[in-house]
């Protein structure tokens, strides 16, 4: 598929944090944006955020991405789709895994179905997946790259159901949704004029400096680390992370426009960390409120279990 150089882009879940960076990037490259949101209140927030691009940014309501035909109207006449909408909750411990997986899969496959039925001139579908769809757990340091899949999380969901670890329910949903997207394209590619791209960013740790400047809320784990409530997390090796969403959003814009991005799965990573790295930065920024944690910690000696191969970035 040739590079997409102009036209209309539909961004799902457009009021979300990562999505807002993606929305911001397209008008700056000459595109108009049709963002899907669940409520008019979210739509109004979107328009206020991008009021300097008021002629290029519009919204449509999609209340339930898992509903059949949810995107039938939204996809009409778009040249490209960036799909970011996916259910996520930190309170999934007692939830049925299907509460995450079913809407994630239906939303991902519902978009190309809607596009096919409406006869649009769609050229590319960019799926904002997750590094959690690529990497599972391990006990030895390793490099992870795009051919890998998180079979571990999917297996745990199938074996344990509601008893699955909360985050593995989310990881399984992202894995199943992305696989469904690739399977749809493989099955129907002879009849499709568009190609897929999957972007796989890791954990977003700090929500700061985004298009909505007031949104500076860290994920729930960080305050616990900084407050000393969970000492073990400070030295635990964790997955790679994106240091601010600008990198992910800009990558989505750049990669999705290039011809060579078609058909690719792309890990987007700023590098590995342990929780003490975050505690140390937080302490520097606010010494009076945030304890230093492990003051003898040496980041150059940290042992990271996972590093992402980002050669495609």
Protein backbone atom coordinates (compact mmCIF):
# COMPACT_ATOMS: atom_id res chain seq x y z
CA UNK A 1 0.00 0.00 0.00
CA UNK A 2 1.44 3.46 -0.86
CA UNK A 3 2.15 5.92 1.92
CA UNK A 4 -0.91 7.76 3.24
CA UNK A 5 -0.17 11.44 2.74
CA UNK A 6 -3.50 13.18 3.27
CA UNK A 7 -7.16 12.68 4.05
CA UNK A 8 -9.36 11.82 7.00
CA UNK A 9 -8.27 9.69 9.98
CA UNK A 10 -10.62 8.05 12.43
CA UNK A 11 -9.12 7.71 15.92
CA UNK A 12 -11.08 5.48 18.30
CA UNK A 13 -11.16 6.29 21.99
CA UNK A 14 -10.01 9.77 21.02
CA UNK A 15 -10.43 11.26 24.50
CA UNK A 16 -7.94 8.82 26.01
CA UNK A 17 -4.45 9.88 26.98
CA UNK A 18 -2.40 8.05 24.34
CA UNK A 19 -5.10 8.76 21.77
CA UNK A 20 -4.92 12.49 22.50
CA UNK A 21 -1.28 12.54 21.43
CA UNK A 22 -2.23 10.71 18.26
CA UNK A 23 -5.05 13.13 17.53
CA UNK A 24 -2.68 16.06 18.04
CA UNK A 25 -0.19 14.72 15.51
CA UNK A 26 -2.46 14.31 12.50
CA UNK A 27 -3.67 17.92 11.99
CA UNK A 28 -0.03 18.99 12.13
CA UNK A 29 0.54 16.72 9.12
CA UNK A 30 -2.43 18.07 7.17
CA UNK A 31 -5.02 15.43 8.07
CA UNK A 32 -8.50 15.91 9.46
CA UNK A 33 -9.52 13.75 12.42
CA UNK A 34 -12.78 12.06 13.30
CA UNK A 35 -12.51 10.91 16.89
CA UNK A 36 -14.85 8.40 18.48
CA UNK A 37 -15.90 8.99 22.09
CA UNK A 38 -18.51 7.43 24.36
CA UNK A 39 -20.33 10.62 25.41
CA UNK A 40 -20.91 14.17 24.23
CA UNK A 41 -19.12 15.38 27.37
CA UNK A 42 -15.99 13.52 26.20
CA UNK A 43 -16.51 14.99 22.74
CA UNK A 44 -16.71 18.52 24.12
CA UNK A 45 -13.50 17.90 26.04
CA UNK A 46 -11.82 16.70 22.84
CA UNK A 47 -12.87 19.81 20.91
CA UNK A 48 -11.72 22.07 23.73
CA UNK A 49 -8.34 20.36 23.85
CA UNK A 50 -7.81 20.83 20.12
CA UNK A 51 -9.58 24.13 19.62
CA UNK A 52 -6.67 25.47 17.58
CA UNK A 53 -7.47 22.69 15.09
CA UNK A 54 -11.23 23.23 15.28
CA UNK A 55 -11.64 22.94 11.51
CA UNK A 56 -9.83 19.60 11.42
CA UNK A 57 -11.03 17.76 14.54
CA UNK A 58 -14.57 16.39 14.90
CA UNK A 59 -16.11 13.65 17.01
CA UNK A 60 -18.77 10.95 16.73
CA UNK A 61 -20.41 8.95 19.51
CA UNK A 62 -19.68 5.22 19.82
CA UNK A 63 -21.14 4.21 23.17
CA UNK A 64 -20.15 0.53 23.08
CA UNK A 65 -17.31 -0.70 20.86
CA UNK A 66 -18.42 -4.32 21.35
CA UNK A 67 -21.89 -3.70 19.90
CA UNK A 68 -22.52 -5.06 16.42
CA UNK A 69 -22.33 -2.25 13.88
CA UNK A 70 -20.84 0.16 16.43
CA UNK A 71 -18.51 1.74 13.87
CA UNK A 72 -20.74 1.58 10.76
CA UNK A 73 -21.26 5.34 10.62
CA UNK A 74 -17.93 6.39 12.06
CA UNK A 75 -15.80 4.69 9.38
CA UNK A 76 -17.51 6.22 6.36
CA UNK A 77 -15.14 8.00 3.98
CA UNK A 78 -12.03 7.68 6.13
CA UNK A 79 -8.60 7.03 4.62
CA UNK A 80 -7.03 5.65 7.77
CA UNK A 81 -8.08 4.28 11.15
CA UNK A 82 -6.07 4.39 14.37
CA UNK A 83 -7.72 2.09 16.90
CA UNK A 84 -6.79 2.86 20.51
CA UNK A 85 -10.07 2.10 22.32
CA UNK A 86 -9.80 -0.94 24.58
CA UNK A 87 -11.21 -1.72 28.04
CA UNK A 88 -8.77 -1.34 30.92
CA UNK A 89 -9.25 -1.42 34.66
CA UNK A 90 -6.97 -1.82 37.66
CA UNK A 91 -9.92 -3.39 39.52
CA UNK A 92 -10.18 -6.52 37.40
CA UNK A 93 -9.23 -9.05 40.07
CA UNK A 94 -12.77 -10.37 40.53
CA UNK A 95 -13.96 -9.68 37.00
CA UNK A 96 -14.73 -12.29 34.38
CA UNK A 97 -11.85 -12.15 31.84
CA UNK A 98 -14.45 -11.86 29.07
CA UNK A 99 -15.36 -8.41 30.40
CA UNK A 100 -12.02 -7.27 28.99
CA UNK A 101 -11.37 -9.71 26.15
CA UNK A 102 -14.76 -9.76 24.41
CA UNK A 103 -15.10 -5.99 23.82
CA UNK A 104 -11.40 -5.77 22.94
CA UNK A 105 -11.73 -8.45 20.25
CA UNK A 106 -15.11 -7.26 18.97
CA UNK A 107 -13.92 -3.67 18.77
CA UNK A 108 -10.81 -4.66 16.86
CA UNK A 109 -12.63 -6.84 14.33
CA UNK A 110 -15.72 -4.64 14.14
CA UNK A 111 -13.80 -1.75 12.62
CA UNK A 112 -12.59 -3.48 9.42
CA UNK A 113 -15.98 -5.19 9.07
CA UNK A 114 -17.70 -1.81 9.17
CA UNK A 115 -15.22 -0.38 6.67
CA UNK A 116 -15.74 -3.27 4.27
CA UNK A 117 -19.53 -2.94 4.42
CA UNK A 118 -19.55 0.82 3.92
CA UNK A 119 -17.33 0.74 0.84
CA UNK A 120 -14.78 3.21 2.13
CA UNK A 121 -11.45 3.93 0.49
CA UNK A 122 -9.61 2.82 3.61
CA UNK A 123 -5.85 2.44 3.11
CA UNK A 124 -4.49 1.55 6.54
CA UNK A 125 -5.60 0.40 9.99
CA UNK A 126 -3.20 1.14 12.86
CA UNK A 127 -3.83 -0.83 16.02
CA UNK A 128 -2.40 0.54 19.25
CA UNK A 129 -1.79 -2.82 20.86
CA UNK A 130 0.61 -3.33 23.77
CA UNK A 131 3.98 -4.77 24.60
CA UNK A 132 2.02 -7.02 26.97
CA UNK A 133 0.76 -8.82 23.86
CA UNK A 134 4.39 -9.60 23.02
CA UNK A 135 6.13 -10.44 26.30
CA UNK A 136 5.29 -12.84 29.09
CA UNK A 137 7.04 -13.39 32.39
CA UNK A 138 10.48 -14.90 32.79
CA UNK A 139 13.22 -15.36 35.36
CA UNK A 140 16.25 -14.75 33.14
CA UNK A 141 17.24 -11.54 31.30
CA UNK A 142 16.18 -11.62 27.67
CA UNK A 143 15.52 -9.54 24.58
CA UNK A 144 11.94 -9.53 23.34
CA UNK A 145 10.87 -8.68 19.83
CA UNK A 146 7.86 -8.64 17.53
CA UNK A 147 7.53 -12.32 16.51
CA UNK A 148 6.75 -13.26 20.14
CA UNK A 149 3.27 -13.52 21.68
CA UNK A 150 2.14 -13.54 25.30
CA UNK A 151 0.84 -17.10 25.36
CA UNK A 152 1.29 -17.25 29.13
CA UNK A 153 -1.45 -14.73 29.91
CA UNK A 154 -3.89 -16.31 27.48
CA UNK A 155 -3.24 -19.75 28.95
CA UNK A 156 -3.79 -18.49 32.51
CA UNK A 157 -7.12 -16.94 31.55
CA UNK A 158 -8.29 -20.18 29.95
CA UNK A 159 -7.20 -22.27 32.92
CA UNK A 160 -8.18 -20.03 35.84
CA UNK A 161 -10.95 -17.77 34.55
CA UNK A 162 -11.91 -15.26 37.26
CA UNK A 163 -8.97 -16.47 39.36
CA UNK A 164 -6.49 -15.08 36.85
CA UNK A 165 -4.21 -12.29 38.04
CA UNK A 166 -5.88 -8.95 37.24
CA UNK A 167 -3.10 -7.69 34.98
CA UNK A 168 -2.98 -10.99 33.08
CA UNK A 169 -6.65 -10.52 32.23
CA UNK A 170 -5.67 -7.25 30.57
CA UNK A 171 -2.60 -8.78 28.93
CA UNK A 172 -4.67 -11.64 27.54
CA UNK A 173 -7.26 -9.20 26.17
CA UNK A 174 -4.58 -7.25 24.29
CA UNK A 175 -3.03 -10.45 22.94
CA UNK A 176 -6.35 -11.89 21.77
CA UNK A 177 -7.47 -8.59 20.24
CA UNK A 178 -4.29 -8.09 18.25
CA UNK A 179 -4.28 -11.69 17.07
CA UNK A 180 -7.89 -11.28 15.94
CA UNK A 181 -6.91 -8.22 13.91
CA UNK A 182 -4.11 -10.05 12.11
CA UNK A 183 -6.33 -13.11 11.55
CA UNK A 184 -9.09 -10.94 10.04
CA UNK A 185 -6.69 -9.38 7.60
CA UNK A 186 -5.13 -12.71 6.65
CA UNK A 187 -8.55 -14.21 5.96
CA UNK A 188 -9.88 -11.29 3.91
CA UNK A 189 -6.76 -9.66 2.45
CA UNK A 190 -7.57 -10.66 -1.12
CA UNK A 191 -10.65 -8.42 -0.92
CA UNK A 192 -9.14 -5.58 1.10
CA UNK A 193 -7.48 -2.40 -0.13
CA UNK A 194 -5.88 -1.62 3.23
CA UNK A 195 -3.08 -3.07 5.29
CA UNK A 196 -2.61 -3.29 9.08
CA UNK A 197 0.06 -1.91 11.41
CA UNK A 198 0.34 -2.81 15.10
CA UNK A 199 2.18 -0.54 17.53
CA UNK A 200 3.16 -2.22 20.81
CA UNK A 201 4.06 0.33 23.51
CA UNK A 202 4.90 -0.83 27.05
CA UNK A 203 3.74 0.59 30.38
CA UNK A 204 2.84 4.28 30.48
CA UNK A 205 4.18 5.39 33.84
CA UNK A 206 3.68 9.17 34.07
CA UNK A 207 0.88 11.10 32.48
CA UNK A 208 2.54 14.47 32.22
CA UNK A 209 2.98 17.13 29.59
CA UNK A 210 0.23 15.83 27.34
CA UNK A 211 -2.19 17.78 25.16
CA UNK A 212 -4.29 18.26 28.30
CA UNK A 213 -1.73 19.86 30.57
CA UNK A 214 -3.85 19.32 33.69
CA UNK A 215 -3.62 15.56 33.27
CA UNK A 216 -0.59 14.68 35.37
CA UNK A 217 -1.82 11.64 37.27
CA UNK A 218 0.61 8.73 37.72
CA UNK A 219 -0.54 5.14 37.52
CA UNK A 220 -1.63 3.82 40.95
CA UNK A 221 1.56 1.82 41.54
CA UNK A 222 3.86 4.83 41.56
CA UNK A 223 2.48 6.65 44.62
CA UNK A 224 2.77 3.40 46.59
CA UNK A 225 6.43 3.10 45.63
CA UNK A 226 7.14 6.72 46.41
CA UNK A 227 5.32 6.58 49.75
CA UNK A 228 7.19 3.47 50.79
CA UNK A 229 4.10 1.30 50.95
CA UNK A 230 5.59 -1.42 48.78
CA UNK A 231 9.32 -1.68 49.33
CA UNK A 232 9.67 -4.84 47.25
CA UNK A 233 8.52 -3.08 44.10
CA UNK A 234 11.40 -0.63 44.29
CA UNK A 235 13.98 -3.19 43.29
CA UNK A 236 11.83 -5.51 41.26
CA UNK A 237 12.70 -5.70 37.58
CA UNK A 238 9.76 -4.72 35.43
CA UNK A 239 8.83 -4.38 31.79
CA UNK A 240 10.08 -1.61 29.53
CA UNK A 241 8.11 1.62 29.64
CA UNK A 242 7.34 4.68 27.58
CA UNK A 243 8.64 7.80 29.30
CA UNK A 244 5.69 10.02 28.45
CA UNK A 245 3.12 9.42 25.75
CA UNK A 246 4.55 11.83 23.18
CA UNK A 247 6.84 9.07 21.96
CA UNK A 248 4.01 6.59 21.44
CA UNK A 249 1.68 9.14 19.84
CA UNK A 250 4.27 10.56 17.52
CA UNK A 251 5.38 7.07 16.56
CA UNK A 252 1.79 6.19 15.67
CA UNK A 253 1.62 9.20 13.37
CA UNK A 254 4.97 8.64 11.74
CA UNK A 255 4.82 4.90 11.23
CA UNK A 256 1.24 4.86 10.07
CA UNK A 257 2.05 7.28 7.26
CA UNK A 258 4.91 5.28 5.79
CA UNK A 259 4.46 2.73 3.04
CA UNK A 260 6.99 0.35 4.58
CA UNK A 261 5.05 0.25 7.86
CA UNK A 262 2.27 -1.78 6.26
CA UNK A 263 1.99 -5.28 7.66
CA UNK A 264 4.42 -4.57 10.49
CA UNK A 265 4.26 -5.15 14.22
CA UNK A 266 6.39 -2.51 15.96
CA UNK A 267 7.61 -2.38 19.58
CA UNK A 268 7.85 1.22 20.84
CA UNK A 269 10.00 1.54 23.94
CA UNK A 270 12.01 4.15 25.81
CA UNK A 271 13.95 1.53 27.78
CA UNK A 272 13.80 -0.69 30.88
CA UNK A 273 13.45 0.45 34.49
CA UNK A 274 13.11 -0.71 38.06
CA UNK A 275 10.74 1.10 40.40
CA UNK A 276 13.61 2.79 42.22
CA UNK A 277 14.38 4.71 39.02
CA UNK A 278 10.96 6.35 39.30
CA UNK A 279 11.29 6.93 43.03
CA UNK A 280 14.65 8.64 42.47
CA UNK A 281 13.23 10.99 39.84
CA UNK A 282 10.18 11.76 41.98
CA UNK A 283 12.46 12.56 44.93
CA UNK A 284 14.54 14.96 42.84
CA UNK A 285 11.37 16.74 41.72
CA UNK A 286 9.83 16.92 45.19
CA UNK A 287 12.28 16.21 48.01
CA UNK A 288 9.90 17.38 50.74
CA UNK A 289 7.12 14.90 49.88
CA UNK A 290 8.91 11.93 48.29
CA UNK A 291 11.42 9.84 50.21
CA UNK A 292 14.64 8.91 48.41
CA UNK A 293 14.10 5.20 48.83
CA UNK A 294 17.24 3.16 48.31
CA UNK A 295 19.94 5.84 48.47
CA UNK A 296 22.75 3.43 47.47
CA UNK A 297 20.91 2.27 44.34
CA UNK A 298 23.09 2.38 41.20
CA UNK A 299 21.02 2.40 37.97
CA UNK A 300 24.01 1.19 35.99
CA UNK A 301 24.06 -2.00 38.06
CA UNK A 302 20.33 -2.71 37.80
CA UNK A 303 19.33 -6.12 36.46
CA UNK A 304 16.60 -5.89 33.84
CA UNK A 305 14.68 -9.02 32.95
CA UNK A 306 13.34 -7.64 29.68
CA UNK A 307 14.69 -5.32 27.02
CA UNK A 308 12.76 -4.56 23.85
CA UNK A 309 14.35 -4.89 20.44
CA UNK A 310 13.35 -1.55 18.92
CA UNK A 311 15.17 -1.84 15.59
CA UNK A 312 11.96 -1.03 13.72
CA UNK A 313 11.47 2.31 15.54
